[in-house]
Amino acid sequence: YALTHTIETIRVPRNITCICIGKSTYARCGIHVNVTPL
């Protein structure tokens, strides 16, 4: 298991919520990104 961070900074508006999901390219290699809400 590993941790990193995004290069991007995100500013979520107060009427928006976000869901972060892993990319299928990595999923096909056995790499899973935790589903994360912003």
Full PDB file with SEQRES, HELIX, SHEET, SSBOND, CRYST1, ORIGX, SCALE, CONECT and MASTER records, all heavy atoms in Angstrom:
SEQRES   1 A   38  TYR ALA LEU THR HIS THR ILE GLU THR ILE ARG VAL PRO          
SEQRES   2 A   38  ARG ASN ILE THR CYS ILE CYS ILE GLY LYS SER THR TYR          
SEQRES   3 A   38  ALA ARG CYS GLY ILE HIS VAL ASN VAL THR PRO LEU              
HELIX    1 AA1 SER A   24  ALA A   27  1                                   4    
SHEET    1 AA1 2 ILE A  19  CYS A  20  0                                        
SHEET    2 AA1 2 THR A  36  PRO A  37 -1                                        
CRYST1    1.000    1.000    1.000  90.00  90.00  90.00 P 1           1          
ORIGX1      1.000000  0.000000  0.000000        0.00000                         
ORIGX2      0.000000  1.000000  0.000000        0.00000                         
ORIGX3      0.000000  0.000000  1.000000        0.00000                         
SCALE1      1.000000  0.000000  0.000000        0.00000                         
SCALE2      0.000000  1.000000  0.000000        0.00000                         
SCALE3      0.000000  0.000000  1.000000        0.00000                         
ATOM      1  N   TYR A   1       0.861  -1.181   0.000  1.00  0.00           N  
ATOM      2  CA  TYR A   1       0.000   0.000   0.000  1.00  0.00           C  
ATOM      3  C   TYR A   1       0.896   1.229   0.000  1.00  0.00           C  
ATOM      4  O   TYR A   1       1.970   1.225   0.621  1.00  0.00           O  
ATOM      5  CB  TYR A   1      -0.871  -0.019   1.251  1.00  0.00           C  
ATOM      6  CG  TYR A   1      -2.115   0.822   1.180  1.00  0.00           C  
ATOM      7  CD1 TYR A   1      -3.214   0.422   0.435  1.00  0.00           C  
ATOM      8  CD2 TYR A   1      -2.206   2.023   1.881  1.00  0.00           C  
ATOM      9  CE1 TYR A   1      -4.373   1.184   0.382  1.00  0.00           C  
ATOM     10  CE2 TYR A   1      -3.358   2.791   1.838  1.00  0.00           C  
ATOM     11  CZ  TYR A   1      -4.438   2.370   1.082  1.00  0.00           C  
ATOM     12  OH  TYR A   1      -5.583   3.127   1.032  1.00  0.00           O  
ATOM     13  N   ALA A   2       0.466   2.279  -0.712  1.00  0.00           N  
ATOM     14  CA  ALA A   2       1.284   3.484  -0.812  1.00  0.00           C  
ATOM     15  C   ALA A   2       0.399   4.724  -0.789  1.00  0.00           C  
ATOM     16  O   ALA A   2      -0.796   4.665  -1.096  1.00  0.00           O  
ATOM     17  CB  ALA A   2       2.117   3.455  -2.091  1.00  0.00           C  
ATOM     18  N   LEU A   3       1.018   5.832  -0.429  1.00  0.00           N  
ATOM     19  CA  LEU A   3       0.361   7.134  -0.455  1.00  0.00           C  
ATOM     20  C   LEU A   3       1.141   8.075  -1.352  1.00  0.00           C  
ATOM     21  O   LEU A   3       2.375   8.053  -1.378  1.00  0.00           O  
ATOM     22  CB  LEU A   3       0.295   7.746   0.948  1.00  0.00           C  
ATOM     23  CG  LEU A   3      -0.432   6.981   2.051  1.00  0.00           C  
ATOM     24  CD1 LEU A   3      -0.275   7.698   3.384  1.00  0.00           C  
ATOM     25  CD2 LEU A   3      -1.901   6.805   1.711  1.00  0.00           C  
ATOM     26  N   THR A   4       0.438   8.896  -2.095  1.00  0.00           N  
ATOM     27  CA  THR A   4       1.036  10.014  -2.806  1.00  0.00           C  
ATOM     28  C   THR A   4       0.037  11.167  -2.772  1.00  0.00           C  
ATOM     29  O   THR A   4      -0.911  11.142  -1.982  1.00  0.00           O  
ATOM     30  CB  THR A   4       1.438   9.636  -4.251  1.00  0.00           C  
ATOM     31  OG1 THR A   4       2.175  10.729  -4.830  1.00  0.00           O  
ATOM     32  CG2 THR A   4       0.237   9.328  -5.122  1.00  0.00           C  
ATOM     33  N   HIS A   5       0.247  12.156  -3.599  1.00  0.00           N  
ATOM     34  CA  HIS A   5      -0.660  13.301  -3.643  1.00  0.00           C  
ATOM     35  C   HIS A   5      -0.843  13.708  -5.098  1.00  0.00           C  
ATOM     36  O   HIS A   5      -0.064  13.317  -5.973  1.00  0.00           O  
ATOM     37  CB  HIS A   5      -0.080  14.482  -2.851  1.00  0.00           C  
ATOM     38  CG  HIS A   5       1.252  14.943  -3.395  1.00  0.00           C  
ATOM     39  ND1 HIS A   5       1.363  15.912  -4.368  1.00  0.00           N  
ATOM     40  CD2 HIS A   5       2.510  14.533  -3.119  1.00  0.00           C  
ATOM     41  CE1 HIS A   5       2.626  16.093  -4.667  1.00  0.00           C  
ATOM     42  NE2 HIS A   5       3.356  15.264  -3.926  1.00  0.00           N  
ATOM     43  N   THR A   6      -1.870  14.474  -5.368  1.00  0.00           N  
ATOM     44  CA  THR A   6      -2.058  14.972  -6.720  1.00  0.00           C  
ATOM     45  C   THR A   6      -1.157  16.177  -6.960  1.00  0.00           C  
ATOM     46  O   THR A   6      -0.839  16.938  -6.033  1.00  0.00           O  
ATOM     47  CB  THR A   6      -3.512  15.402  -6.969  1.00  0.00           C  
ATOM     48  OG1 THR A   6      -3.870  16.422  -6.029  1.00  0.00           O  
ATOM     49  CG2 THR A   6      -4.465  14.224  -6.821  1.00  0.00           C  
ATOM     50  N   ILE A   7      -0.731  16.333  -8.205  1.00  0.00           N  
ATOM     51  CA  ILE A   7      -0.031  17.560  -8.583  1.00  0.00           C  
ATOM     52  C   ILE A   7      -1.001  18.732  -8.527  1.00  0.00           C  
ATOM     53  O   ILE A   7      -0.652  19.834  -8.109  1.00  0.00           O  
ATOM     54  CB  ILE A   7       0.569  17.399  -9.998  1.00  0.00           C  
ATOM     55  CG1 ILE A   7       1.738  16.398  -9.958  1.00  0.00           C  
ATOM     56  CG2 ILE A   7       1.014  18.748 -10.565  1.00  0.00           C  
ATOM     57  CD1 ILE A   7       2.338  16.097 -11.301  1.00  0.00           C  
ATOM     58  N   GLU A   8      -2.237  18.457  -8.911  1.00  0.00           N  
ATOM     59  CA  GLU A   8      -3.258  19.507  -8.979  1.00  0.00           C  
ATOM     60  C   GLU A   8      -3.799  19.877  -7.599  1.00  0.00           C  
ATOM     61  O   GLU A   8      -3.936  19.024  -6.729  1.00  0.00           O  
ATOM     62  CB  GLU A   8      -4.431  19.056  -9.853  1.00  0.00           C  
ATOM     63  CG  GLU A   8      -4.087  18.868 -11.318  1.00  0.00           C  
ATOM     64  CD  GLU A   8      -3.446  17.527 -11.633  1.00  0.00           C  
ATOM     65  OE1 GLU A   8      -3.263  16.711 -10.700  1.00  0.00           O  
ATOM     66  OE2 GLU A   8      -3.129  17.285 -12.808  1.00  0.00           O  
ATOM     67  N   THR A   9      -4.105  21.158  -7.451  1.00  0.00           N  
ATOM     68  CA  THR A   9      -4.887  21.658  -6.317  1.00  0.00           C  
ATOM     69  C   THR A   9      -6.327  21.833  -6.795  1.00  0.00           C  
ATOM     70  O   THR A   9      -6.561  22.357  -7.885  1.00  0.00           O  
ATOM     71  CB  THR A   9      -4.335  23.011  -5.824  1.00  0.00           C  
ATOM     72  OG1 THR A   9      -3.019  22.812  -5.299  1.00  0.00           O  
ATOM     73  CG2 THR A   9      -5.231  23.608  -4.745  1.00  0.00           C  
ATOM     74  N   ILE A  10      -7.272  21.382  -6.005  1.00  0.00           N  
ATOM     75  CA  ILE A  10      -8.690  21.445  -6.370  1.00  0.00           C  
ATOM     76  C   ILE A  10      -9.430  22.318  -5.370  1.00  0.00           C  
ATOM     77  O   ILE A  10      -9.211  22.209  -4.155  1.00  0.00           O  
ATOM     78  CB  ILE A  10      -9.306  20.032  -6.416  1.00  0.00           C  
ATOM     79  CG1 ILE A  10      -8.567  19.179  -7.462  1.00  0.00           C  
ATOM     80  CG2 ILE A  10     -10.799  20.097  -6.747  1.00  0.00           C  
ATOM     81  CD1 ILE A  10      -9.036  17.749  -7.539  1.00  0.00           C  
ATOM     82  N   ARG A  11     -10.292  23.183  -5.899  1.00  0.00           N  
ATOM     83  CA  ARG A  11     -11.128  24.047  -5.063  1.00  0.00           C  
ATOM     84  C   ARG A  11     -12.584  23.687  -5.341  1.00  0.00           C  
ATOM     85  O   ARG A  11     -13.131  24.067  -6.377  1.00  0.00           O  
ATOM     86  CB  ARG A  11     -10.858  25.519  -5.360  1.00  0.00           C  
ATOM     87  CG  ARG A  11      -9.427  25.958  -5.067  1.00  0.00           C  
ATOM     88  CD  ARG A  11      -9.190  27.416  -5.466  1.00  0.00           C  
ATOM     89  NE  ARG A  11      -7.827  27.825  -5.133  1.00  0.00           N  
ATOM     90  CZ  ARG A  11      -6.782  27.650  -5.934  1.00  0.00           C  
ATOM     91  NH1 ARG A  11      -6.949  27.076  -7.124  1.00  0.00           N  
ATOM     92  NH2 ARG A  11      -5.575  28.026  -5.566  1.00  0.00           N  
ATOM     93  N   VAL A  12     -13.195  22.954  -4.441  1.00  0.00           N  
ATOM     94  CA  VAL A  12     -14.559  22.461  -4.656  1.00  0.00           C  
ATOM     95  C   VAL A  12     -15.564  23.541  -4.257  1.00  0.00           C  
ATOM     96  O   VAL A  12     -15.563  23.996  -3.108  1.00  0.00           O  
ATOM     97  CB  VAL A  12     -14.819  21.175  -3.834  1.00  0.00           C  
ATOM     98  CG1 VAL A  12     -16.208  20.617  -4.159  1.00  0.00           C  
ATOM     99  CG2 VAL A  12     -13.746  20.123  -4.120  1.00  0.00           C  
ATOM    100  N   PRO A  13     -16.451  23.976  -5.172  1.00  0.00           N  
ATOM    101  CA  PRO A  13     -17.488  24.946  -4.807  1.00  0.00           C  
ATOM    102  C   PRO A  13     -18.427  24.371  -3.744  1.00  0.00           C  
ATOM    103  O   PRO A  13     -18.543  23.147  -3.596  1.00  0.00           O  
ATOM    104  CB  PRO A  13     -18.231  25.178  -6.136  1.00  0.00           C  
ATOM    105  CG  PRO A  13     -17.260  24.775  -7.201  1.00  0.00           C  
ATOM    106  CD  PRO A  13     -16.467  23.645  -6.611  1.00  0.00           C  
ATOM    107  N   ARG A  14     -19.153  25.226  -3.034  1.00  0.00           N  
ATOM    108  CA  ARG A  14     -19.980  24.767  -1.919  1.00  0.00           C  
ATOM    109  C   ARG A  14     -21.235  24.029  -2.381  1.00  0.00           C  
ATOM    110  O   ARG A  14     -21.897  23.383  -1.573  1.00  0.00           O  
ATOM    111  CB  ARG A  14     -20.326  25.900  -0.961  1.00  0.00           C  
ATOM    112  CG  ARG A  14     -21.183  26.982  -1.494  1.00  0.00           C  
ATOM    113  CD  ARG A  14     -21.536  27.988  -0.393  1.00  0.00           C  
ATOM    114  NE  ARG A  14     -22.343  27.415   0.658  1.00  0.00           N  
ATOM    115  CZ  ARG A  14     -21.960  27.295   1.937  1.00  0.00           C  
ATOM    116  NH1 ARG A  14     -20.795  27.719   2.326  1.00  0.00           N  
ATOM    117  NH2 ARG A  14     -22.774  26.760   2.826  1.00  0.00           N  
ATOM    118  N   ASN A  15     -21.589  24.116  -3.659  1.00  0.00           N  
ATOM    119  CA  ASN A  15     -22.745  23.349  -4.163  1.00  0.00           C  
ATOM    120  C   ASN A  15     -22.315  22.128  -4.978  1.00  0.00           C  
ATOM    121  O   ASN A  15     -23.112  21.548  -5.697  1.00  0.00           O  
ATOM    122  CB  ASN A  15     -23.649  24.240  -5.011  1.00  0.00           C  
ATOM    123  CG  ASN A  15     -22.970  24.709  -6.291  1.00  0.00           C  
ATOM    124  OD1 ASN A  15     -21.743  24.868  -6.330  1.00  0.00           O  
ATOM    125  ND2 ASN A  15     -23.753  24.937  -7.322  1.00  0.00           N  
ATOM    126  N   ILE A  16     -21.042  21.758  -4.851  1.00  0.00           N  
ATOM    127  CA  ILE A  16     -20.484  20.619  -5.593  1.00  0.00           C  
ATOM    128  C   ILE A  16     -19.870  19.631  -4.606  1.00  0.00           C  
ATOM    129  O   ILE A  16     -19.252  20.034  -3.618  1.00  0.00           O  
ATOM    130  CB  ILE A  16     -19.401  21.091  -6.590  1.00  0.00           C  
ATOM    131  CG1 ILE A  16     -19.985  22.021  -7.655  1.00  0.00           C  
ATOM    132  CG2 ILE A  16     -18.705  19.899  -7.238  1.00  0.00           C  
ATOM    133  CD1 ILE A  16     -20.890  21.356  -8.660  1.00  0.00           C  
ATOM    134  N   THR A  17     -20.018  18.336  -4.874  1.00  0.00           N  
ATOM    135  CA  THR A  17     -19.229  17.325  -4.176  1.00  0.00           C  
ATOM    136  C   THR A  17     -18.594  16.440  -5.235  1.00  0.00           C  
ATOM    137  O   THR A  17     -19.137  16.274  -6.335  1.00  0.00           O  
ATOM    138  CB  THR A  17     -20.091  16.497  -3.197  1.00  0.00           C  
ATOM    139  OG1 THR A  17     -19.242  15.767  -2.309  1.00  0.00           O  
ATOM    140  CG2 THR A  17     -21.015  15.540  -3.924  1.00  0.00           C  
ATOM    141  N   CYS A  18     -17.435  15.909  -4.939  1.00  0.00           N  
ATOM    142  CA  CYS A  18     -16.671  15.139  -5.927  1.00  0.00           C  
ATOM    143  C   CYS A  18     -16.455  13.708  -5.448  1.00  0.00           C  
ATOM    144  O   CYS A  18     -16.361  13.445  -4.245  1.00  0.00           O  
ATOM    145  CB  CYS A  18     -15.304  15.781  -6.180  1.00  0.00           C  
ATOM    146  SG  CYS A  18     -15.358  17.480  -6.735  1.00  0.00           S  
ATOM    147  N   ILE A  19     -16.331  12.809  -6.416  1.00  0.00           N  
ATOM    148  CA  ILE A  19     -15.925  11.438  -6.149  1.00  0.00           C  
ATOM    149  C   ILE A  19     -14.687  11.156  -6.993  1.00  0.00           C  
ATOM    150  O   ILE A  19     -14.672  11.424  -8.203  1.00  0.00           O  
ATOM    151  CB  ILE A  19     -17.042  10.427  -6.513  1.00  0.00           C  
ATOM    152  CG1 ILE A  19     -18.282  10.665  -5.650  1.00  0.00           C  
ATOM    153  CG2 ILE A  19     -16.540   8.996  -6.339  1.00  0.00           C  
ATOM    154  CD1 ILE A  19     -18.102  10.368  -4.188  1.00  0.00           C  
ATOM    155  N   CYS A  20     -13.647  10.632  -6.370  1.00  0.00           N  
ATOM    156  CA  CYS A  20     -12.408  10.273  -7.067  1.00  0.00           C  
ATOM    157  C   CYS A  20     -12.350   8.757  -7.227  1.00  0.00           C  
ATOM    158  O   CYS A  20     -12.486   8.012  -6.244  1.00  0.00           O  
ATOM    159  CB  CYS A  20     -11.188  10.744  -6.288  1.00  0.00           C  
ATOM    160  SG  CYS A  20     -11.165  12.520  -5.963  1.00  0.00           S  
ATOM    161  N   ILE A  21     -12.135   8.299  -8.470  1.00  0.00           N  
ATOM    162  CA  ILE A  21     -12.082   6.863  -8.757  1.00  0.00           C  
ATOM    163  C   ILE A  21     -10.815   6.543  -9.533  1.00  0.00           C  
ATOM    164  O   ILE A  21     -10.269   7.392 -10.244  1.00  0.00           O  
ATOM    165  CB  ILE A  21     -13.332   6.402  -9.549  1.00  0.00           C  
ATOM    166  CG1 ILE A  21     -13.458   7.188 -10.859  1.00  0.00           C  
ATOM    167  CG2 ILE A  21     -14.584   6.551  -8.710  1.00  0.00           C  
ATOM    168  CD1 ILE A  21     -14.599   6.721 -11.739  1.00  0.00           C  
ATOM    169  N   GLY A  22     -10.337   5.321  -9.398  1.00  0.00           N  
ATOM    170  CA  GLY A  22      -9.104   4.908 -10.061  1.00  0.00           C  
ATOM    171  C   GLY A  22      -9.271   4.759 -11.569  1.00  0.00           C  
ATOM    172  O   GLY A  22     -10.373   4.585 -12.080  1.00  0.00           O  
ATOM    173  N   LYS A  23      -8.136   4.811 -12.268  1.00  0.00           N  
ATOM    174  CA  LYS A  23      -8.141   4.657 -13.721  1.00  0.00           C  
ATOM    175  C   LYS A  23      -8.115   3.178 -14.092  1.00  0.00           C  
ATOM    176  O   LYS A  23      -7.419   2.379 -13.467  1.00  0.00           O  
ATOM    177  CB  LYS A  23      -6.942   5.379 -14.332  1.00  0.00           C  
ATOM    178  CG  LYS A  23      -7.034   6.896 -14.196  1.00  0.00           C  
ATOM    179  CD  LYS A  23      -5.833   7.584 -14.801  1.00  0.00           C  
ATOM    180  CE  LYS A  23      -5.759   7.411 -16.312  1.00  0.00           C  
ATOM    181  NZ  LYS A  23      -6.859   8.064 -17.030  1.00  0.00           N  
ATOM    182  N   SER A  24      -8.851   2.828 -15.132  1.00  0.00           N  
ATOM    183  CA  SER A  24      -8.961   1.420 -15.523  1.00  0.00           C  
ATOM    184  C   SER A  24      -7.630   0.858 -16.007  1.00  0.00           C  
ATOM    185  O   SER A  24      -7.372  -0.344 -15.879  1.00  0.00           O  
ATOM    186  CB  SER A  24     -10.028   1.249 -16.605  1.00  0.00           C  
ATOM    187  OG  SER A  24      -9.660   1.924 -17.788  1.00  0.00           O  
ATOM    188  N   THR A  25      -6.755   1.710 -16.560  1.00  0.00           N  
ATOM    189  CA  THR A  25      -5.440   1.232 -17.015  1.00  0.00           C  
ATOM    190  C   THR A  25      -4.670   0.614 -15.862  1.00  0.00           C  
ATOM    191  O   THR A  25      -4.085  -0.473 -15.987  1.00  0.00           O  
ATOM    192  CB  THR A  25      -4.635   2.391 -17.628  1.00  0.00           C  
ATOM    193  OG1 THR A  25      -5.333   2.889 -18.765  1.00  0.00           O  
ATOM    194  CG2 THR A  25      -3.248   1.933 -18.065  1.00  0.00           C  
ATOM    195  N   TYR A  26      -4.675   1.280 -14.712  1.00  0.00           N  
ATOM    196  CA  TYR A  26      -3.981   0.738 -13.544  1.00  0.00           C  
ATOM    197  C   TYR A  26      -4.761  -0.430 -12.942  1.00  0.00           C  
ATOM    198  O   TYR A  26      -4.162  -1.404 -12.456  1.00  0.00           O  
ATOM    199  CB  TYR A  26      -3.768   1.822 -12.497  1.00  0.00           C  
ATOM    200  CG  TYR A  26      -2.530   2.657 -12.726  1.00  0.00           C  
ATOM    201  CD1 TYR A  26      -2.593   4.046 -12.759  1.00  0.00           C  
ATOM    202  CD2 TYR A  26      -1.288   2.068 -12.914  1.00  0.00           C  
ATOM    203  CE1 TYR A  26      -1.452   4.813 -12.978  1.00  0.00           C  
ATOM    204  CE2 TYR A  26      -0.139   2.820 -13.123  1.00  0.00           C  
ATOM    205  CZ  TYR A  26      -0.237   4.191 -13.158  1.00  0.00           C  
ATOM    206  OH  TYR A  26       0.889   4.949 -13.367  1.00  0.00           O  
ATOM    207  N   ALA A  27      -6.092  -0.354 -12.950  1.00  0.00           N  
ATOM    208  CA  ALA A  27      -6.892  -1.442 -12.379  1.00  0.00           C  
ATOM    209  C   ALA A  27      -6.593  -2.761 -13.093  1.00  0.00           C  
ATOM    210  O   ALA A  27      -6.581  -3.828 -12.471  1.00  0.00           O  
ATOM    211  CB  ALA A  27      -8.373  -1.109 -12.477  1.00  0.00           C  
ATOM    212  N   ARG A  28      -6.326  -2.699 -14.403  1.00  0.00           N  
ATOM    213  CA  ARG A  28      -6.022  -3.916 -15.171  1.00  0.00           C  
ATOM    214  C   ARG A  28      -4.659  -4.497 -14.825  1.00  0.00           C  
ATOM    215  O   ARG A  28      -4.335  -5.615 -15.216  1.00  0.00           O  
ATOM    216  CB  ARG A  28      -6.095  -3.603 -16.660  1.00  0.00           C  
ATOM    217  CG  ARG A  28      -7.489  -3.180 -17.105  1.00  0.00           C  
ATOM    218  CD  ARG A  28      -7.465  -2.574 -18.496  1.00  0.00           C  
ATOM    219  NE  ARG A  28      -8.645  -1.728 -18.688  1.00  0.00           N  
ATOM    220  CZ  ARG A  28      -9.456  -1.800 -19.737  1.00  0.00           C  
ATOM    221  NH1 ARG A  28      -9.221  -2.671 -20.691  1.00  0.00           N  
ATOM    222  NH2 ARG A  28     -10.479  -0.994 -19.825  1.00  0.00           N  
ATOM    223  N   CYS A  29      -3.867  -3.702 -14.071  1.00  0.00           N  
ATOM    224  CA  CYS A  29      -2.556  -4.167 -13.619  1.00  0.00           C  
ATOM    225  C   CYS A  29      -2.569  -4.534 -12.139  1.00  0.00           C  
ATOM    226  O   CYS A  29      -1.517  -4.814 -11.561  1.00  0.00           O  
ATOM    227  CB  CYS A  29      -1.503  -3.094 -13.871  1.00  0.00           C  
ATOM    228  SG  CYS A  29      -1.293  -2.643 -15.601  1.00  0.00           S  
ATOM    229  N   GLY A  30      -3.753  -4.512 -11.530  1.00  0.00           N  
ATOM    230  CA  GLY A  30      -3.864  -4.870 -10.119  1.00  0.00           C  
ATOM    231  C   GLY A  30      -3.694  -3.707  -9.160  1.00  0.00           C  
ATOM    232  O   GLY A  30      -3.638  -3.906  -7.948  1.00  0.00           O  
ATOM    233  N   ILE A  31      -3.613  -2.477  -9.699  1.00  0.00           N  
ATOM    234  CA  ILE A  31      -3.466  -1.292  -8.864  1.00  0.00           C  
ATOM    235  C   ILE A  31      -4.840  -0.678  -8.623  1.00  0.00           C  
ATOM    236  O   ILE A  31      -5.566  -0.365  -9.565  1.00  0.00           O  
ATOM    237  CB  ILE A  31      -2.536  -0.258  -9.527  1.00  0.00           C  
ATOM    238  CG1 ILE A  31      -1.091  -0.784  -9.541  1.00  0.00           C  
ATOM    239  CG2 ILE A  31      -2.606   1.085  -8.831  1.00  0.00           C  
ATOM    240  CD1 ILE A  31      -0.459  -0.893  -8.163  1.00  0.00           C  
ATOM    241  N   HIS A  32      -5.177  -0.479  -7.353  1.00  0.00           N  
ATOM    242  CA  HIS A  32      -6.488   0.061  -6.990  1.00  0.00           C  
ATOM    243  C   HIS A  32      -6.306   1.366  -6.222  1.00  0.00           C  
ATOM    244  O   HIS A  32      -5.508   1.439  -5.283  1.00  0.00           O  
ATOM    245  CB  HIS A  32      -7.260  -0.944  -6.140  1.00  0.00           C  
ATOM    246  CG  HIS A  32      -7.434  -2.270  -6.809  1.00  0.00           C  
ATOM    247  ND1 HIS A  32      -8.316  -2.469  -7.844  1.00  0.00           N  
ATOM    248  CD2 HIS A  32      -6.810  -3.464  -6.600  1.00  0.00           C  
ATOM    249  CE1 HIS A  32      -8.242  -3.728  -8.255  1.00  0.00           C  
ATOM    250  NE2 HIS A  32      -7.340  -4.349  -7.514  1.00  0.00           N  
ATOM    251  N   VAL A  33      -7.057   2.377  -6.622  1.00  0.00           N  
ATOM    252  CA  VAL A  33      -7.067   3.662  -5.929  1.00  0.00           C  
ATOM    253  C   VAL A  33      -8.330   3.732  -5.089  1.00  0.00           C  
ATOM    254  O   VAL A  33      -9.428   3.460  -5.578  1.00  0.00           O  
ATOM    255  CB  VAL A  33      -7.020   4.830  -6.938  1.00  0.00           C  
ATOM    256  CG1 VAL A  33      -7.168   6.171  -6.214  1.00  0.00           C  
ATOM    257  CG2 VAL A  33      -5.717   4.792  -7.721  1.00  0.00           C  
ATOM    258  N   ASN A  34      -8.164   4.079  -3.819  1.00  0.00           N  
ATOM    259  CA  ASN A  34      -9.304   4.156  -2.917  1.00  0.00           C  
ATOM    260  C   ASN A  34     -10.310   5.201  -3.411  1.00  0.00           C  
ATOM    261  O   ASN A  34      -9.934   6.309  -3.805  1.00  0.00           O  
ATOM    262  CB  ASN A  34      -8.827   4.542  -1.510  1.00  0.00           C  
ATOM    263  CG  ASN A  34      -9.943   4.533  -0.507  1.00  0.00           C  
ATOM    264  OD1 ASN A  34     -10.616   3.527  -0.324  1.00  0.00           O  
ATOM    265  ND2 ASN A  34     -10.157   5.658   0.154  1.00  0.00           N  
ATOM    266  N   VAL A  35     -11.590   4.840  -3.419  1.00  0.00           N  
ATOM    267  CA  VAL A  35     -12.639   5.798  -3.797  1.00  0.00           C  
ATOM    268  C   VAL A  35     -12.707   6.878  -2.712  1.00  0.00           C  
ATOM    269  O   VAL A  35     -12.912   6.578  -1.535  1.00  0.00           O  
ATOM    270  CB  VAL A  35     -13.996   5.093  -3.949  1.00  0.00           C  
ATOM    271  CG1 VAL A  35     -15.094   6.116  -4.242  1.00  0.00           C  
ATOM    272  CG2 VAL A  35     -13.933   4.043  -5.050  1.00  0.00           C  
ATOM    273  N   THR A  36     -12.503   8.115  -3.122  1.00  0.00           N  
ATOM    274  CA  THR A  36     -12.366   9.212  -2.170  1.00  0.00           C  
ATOM    275  C   THR A  36     -13.356  10.328  -2.473  1.00  0.00           C  
ATOM    276  O   THR A  36     -13.417  10.792  -3.611  1.00  0.00           O  
ATOM    277  CB  THR A  36     -10.929   9.786  -2.233  1.00  0.00           C  
ATOM    278  OG1 THR A  36      -9.985   8.743  -1.968  1.00  0.00           O  
ATOM    279  CG2 THR A  36     -10.744  10.903  -1.221  1.00  0.00           C  
ATOM    280  N   PRO A  37     -14.111  10.795  -1.494  1.00  0.00           N  
ATOM    281  CA  PRO A  37     -14.972  11.969  -1.721  1.00  0.00           C  
ATOM    282  C   PRO A  37     -14.194  13.257  -1.457  1.00  0.00           C  
ATOM    283  O   PRO A  37     -13.318  13.307  -0.591  1.00  0.00           O  
ATOM    284  CB  PRO A  37     -16.090  11.780  -0.696  1.00  0.00           C  
ATOM    285  CG  PRO A  37     -15.416  11.071   0.442  1.00  0.00           C  
ATOM    286  CD  PRO A  37     -14.349  10.191  -0.168  1.00  0.00           C  
ATOM    287  N   LEU A  38     -14.505  14.298  -2.213  1.00  0.00           N  
ATOM    288  CA  LEU A  38     -14.036  15.655  -1.919  1.00  0.00           C  
ATOM    289  C   LEU A  38     -15.288  16.457  -1.589  1.00  0.00           C  
ATOM    290  O   LEU A  38     -16.143  16.661  -2.446  1.00  0.00           O  
ATOM    291  CB  LEU A  38     -13.300  16.263  -3.119  1.00  0.00           C  
ATOM    292  CG  LEU A  38     -12.146  15.439  -3.717  1.00  0.00           C  
ATOM    293  CD1 LEU A  38     -11.534  16.178  -4.896  1.00  0.00           C  
ATOM    294  CD2 LEU A  38     -11.102  15.115  -2.663  1.00  0.00           C  
TER     295      LEU A  38                                                      
MASTER        0    0    0    1    2    0    0    6  294    1    0    3          
END                                                                             
